[in-house]
Protein backbone atom coordinates (compact mmCIF):
# COMPACT_ATOMS: atom_id res chain seq x y z
CA MET A 1 -19.35 1.65 -10.42
CA VAL A 2 -18.36 3.44 -13.60
CA LYS A 3 -14.60 3.46 -14.12
CA GLY A 4 -13.12 6.80 -13.13
CA VAL A 5 -16.13 7.79 -11.02
CA THR A 6 -15.26 7.83 -7.34
CA SER A 7 -17.62 7.24 -4.45
CA THR A 8 -17.16 10.93 -3.58
CA ASP A 9 -18.34 11.85 -7.08
CA ARG A 10 -21.36 9.58 -6.70
CA ARG A 11 -22.11 10.99 -3.26
CA ASN A 12 -22.06 14.51 -4.71
CA ASP A 13 -24.26 13.41 -7.63
CA ILE A 14 -26.77 12.05 -5.14
CA ILE A 15 -26.78 15.29 -3.13
CA HIS A 16 -27.25 17.44 -6.25
CA SER A 17 -30.05 15.16 -7.45
CA ALA A 18 -31.68 15.36 -4.03
CA VAL A 19 -31.64 19.16 -4.17
CA GLU A 20 -33.57 19.01 -7.43
CA VAL A 21 -36.02 16.34 -6.32
CA PHE A 22 -36.69 17.84 -2.88
CA ALA A 23 -37.15 21.32 -4.37
CA GLU A 24 -39.50 19.97 -7.03
CA PHE A 25 -41.66 17.64 -4.93
CA GLY A 26 -41.06 18.79 -1.37
CA TYR A 27 -39.22 16.76 1.21
CA TYR A 28 -42.22 14.77 2.43
CA ARG A 29 -43.48 13.85 -1.05
CA ALA A 30 -40.07 13.14 -2.55
CA THR A 31 -38.66 9.63 -2.40
CA THR A 32 -35.17 8.24 -2.42
CA ALA A 33 -36.25 6.26 -5.50
CA GLN A 34 -36.81 9.57 -7.32
CA VAL A 35 -33.41 10.80 -6.16
CA ALA A 36 -31.79 7.58 -7.37
CA GLU A 37 -33.50 7.85 -10.74
CA ARG A 38 -32.39 11.48 -11.14
CA ALA A 39 -28.82 10.46 -10.26
CA SER A 40 -29.00 7.45 -12.62
CA ILE A 41 -28.17 4.98 -9.88
CA SER A 42 -30.04 2.35 -7.90
CA GLN A 43 -32.00 3.20 -4.78
CA PRO A 44 -29.90 0.83 -2.63
CA TYR A 45 -26.84 2.80 -3.71
CA VAL A 46 -28.43 5.95 -2.29
CA TYR A 47 -28.83 4.12 1.02
CA ARG A 48 -25.16 3.20 0.93
CA PHE A 49 -24.50 6.88 1.73
CA PHE A 50 -27.69 8.36 3.15
CA THR A 51 -31.01 8.02 4.82
CA LYS A 52 -33.64 10.36 3.42
CA GLU A 53 -33.18 12.71 6.38
CA SER A 54 -29.38 12.72 6.22
CA LEU A 55 -29.65 13.39 2.49
CA LEU A 56 -31.71 16.51 3.19
CA GLU A 57 -29.17 17.56 5.81
CA ALA A 58 -26.33 17.18 3.29
CA ALA A 59 -28.26 19.12 0.64
CA LEU A 60 -28.94 21.95 3.07
CA GLU A 61 -25.33 22.03 4.27
CA LEU A 62 -24.24 22.32 0.64
CA SER A 63 -26.54 25.30 0.13
CA TRP A 64 -25.31 27.11 3.25
CA GLN A 65 -21.67 26.49 2.32
CA ARG A 66 -22.26 27.89 -1.16
CA ILE A 67 -23.57 31.13 0.38
CA LEU A 68 -20.68 31.40 2.83
CA GLN A 69 -18.10 30.73 0.11
CA ALA A 70 -19.64 33.39 -2.13
CA PHE A 71 -19.66 35.89 0.73
CA GLN A 72 -16.05 35.04 1.57
CA ARG A 73 -15.03 35.83 -2.01
CA VAL A 74 -16.86 39.17 -1.77
CA LYS A 75 -15.20 39.97 1.53
CA GLU A 76 -11.75 39.24 0.10
CA THR A 77 -12.22 41.28 -3.07
CA THR A 78 -14.51 44.20 -2.21
CA SER A 79 -13.86 47.55 -0.62
CA PRO A 80 -15.63 48.21 2.71
CA GLU A 81 -18.04 50.77 1.24
CA LEU A 82 -19.24 48.23 -1.35
CA LEU A 83 -19.31 45.20 0.94
CA GLU A 84 -23.06 45.11 1.57
CA LEU A 85 -23.86 45.62 -2.10
CA GLY A 86 -21.36 42.88 -2.93
CA PHE A 87 -23.13 40.45 -0.59
CA ILE A 88 -26.49 41.37 -2.15
CA ARG A 89 -25.16 40.78 -5.67
CA ALA A 90 -23.55 37.47 -4.64
CA TYR A 91 -26.81 36.28 -3.12
CA GLU A 92 -28.77 37.35 -6.20
CA GLU A 93 -26.36 35.31 -8.33
CA ILE A 94 -26.90 32.28 -6.11
CA THR A 95 -30.69 32.61 -6.38
CA GLU A 96 -30.31 32.60 -10.15
CA SER A 97 -27.72 29.86 -10.51
CA HIS A 98 -28.82 27.62 -7.63
CA ARG A 99 -32.51 28.40 -7.33
CA ASN A 100 -33.42 24.92 -6.07
CA GLU A 101 -31.05 25.21 -3.13
CA ILE A 102 -32.78 28.39 -1.99
CA LEU A 103 -36.22 26.84 -2.46
CA LEU A 104 -35.04 23.86 -0.45
CA GLN A 105 -33.90 26.11 2.39
CA MET A 106 -37.30 27.77 2.40
CA GLN A 107 -39.06 24.44 2.68
CA ALA A 108 -36.71 23.29 5.41
CA GLN A 109 -37.66 26.27 7.57
CA THR A 110 -40.97 24.53 8.26
CA ILE A 111 -39.64 21.03 8.88
CA GLN A 112 -39.80 20.16 12.55
CA GLU A 113 -37.39 17.20 12.71
CA ALA A 114 -34.59 18.15 15.10
CA PRO A 115 -31.64 17.31 12.79
CA ILE A 116 -33.09 19.42 9.97
CA ARG A 117 -33.84 22.31 12.30
CA ALA A 118 -30.29 22.07 13.63
CA VAL A 119 -28.80 22.33 10.12
CA MET A 120 -31.03 25.31 9.34
CA LYS A 121 -30.23 27.08 12.61
CA ARG A 122 -26.51 26.44 12.22
CA GLY A 123 -26.50 27.66 8.61
CA MET A 124 -28.46 30.81 9.35
CA ASN A 125 -26.31 31.55 12.38
CA GLU A 126 -23.08 31.07 10.42
CA VAL A 127 -24.27 33.45 7.71
CA LYS A 128 -25.42 35.98 10.32
CA GLN A 129 -22.12 35.84 12.19
CA PHE A 130 -20.08 36.03 8.99
CA VAL A 131 -21.96 39.07 7.68
CA MET A 132 -21.90 40.86 11.04
CA GLN A 133 -18.18 40.24 11.50
CA ALA A 134 -17.49 41.41 7.93
CA PHE A 135 -19.51 44.58 8.53
CA GLU A 136 -17.69 45.21 11.83
CA GLU A 137 -14.25 44.61 10.29
CA ALA A 138 -15.17 46.97 7.44
CA GLY A 139 -15.96 49.65 10.04
CA LEU A 140 -19.60 49.92 9.01
CA GLN A 141 -21.81 51.69 11.53
CA GLU A 142 -24.58 49.74 13.29
CA ALA A 143 -23.25 46.39 12.08
CA GLU A 144 -25.79 44.34 14.04
CA GLU A 145 -28.78 46.30 12.72
CA ARG A 146 -27.39 46.23 9.17
CA THR A 147 -26.93 42.48 9.47
CA THR A 148 -30.53 41.99 10.58
CA ASN A 149 -31.78 44.17 7.73
CA PHE A 150 -29.57 42.31 5.27
CA LEU A 151 -30.93 38.94 6.41
CA ALA A 152 -34.51 40.23 6.31
CA ARG A 153 -33.96 41.46 2.76
CA GLY A 154 -32.58 38.03 1.87
CA MET A 155 -35.69 36.36 3.25
CA LEU A 156 -37.87 38.71 1.19
CA CYS A 157 -35.72 37.85 -1.81
CA ASN A 158 -36.48 34.17 -1.16
CA VAL A 159 -40.22 34.81 -0.99
CA SER A 160 -40.00 36.83 -4.20
CA LEU A 161 -38.17 33.92 -5.84
CA ALA A 162 -40.59 31.25 -4.60
CA LEU A 163 -43.70 33.19 -5.64
CA ASP A 164 -42.17 34.44 -8.88
CA MET A 165 -42.88 38.02 -7.82
CA PRO A 166 -39.76 40.01 -8.67
CA ASP A 167 -41.66 43.24 -8.02
CA LEU A 168 -41.42 42.51 -4.27
CA MET A 169 -37.76 43.48 -4.45
CA ILE A 170 -36.46 46.99 -4.93
CA LYS A 171 -33.32 46.91 -7.02
CA LYS A 172 -30.35 48.93 -5.72
């Protein structure tokens, strides 16, 4: 191991490399050898931390946590009347700065393996609950309906991103 580089750093490097590789090649076509090469480590070192499936789980968990953290910052710093717009802007920033994470989430929606589905369900549910609670606490009317519409708009945003069709989205 390189001096000054911790196993936590290496683990994070592997996860970030996996996001790139899985987004580029797709989960089923990607290999742990490609992830190792992207992370500039050996393939056995990848297996020290992960199986291929657990690596996808970790990459997806990272992407969901990034969204929740961004939304938390918005909630803490935005007035109630601008909350929804703040969430939209935060998500747009994530799609620009962490495009591969969003593409990876989209791919994972079709993966049938139970652990992957569980991560996706948990992540989507946490975002849904966070947004709905934030809307309710802000006193916004019809919080549940607004949450559903917000999530639907986010899914359309993802499709727009994946197909490189920005005209699908109406800018507010």
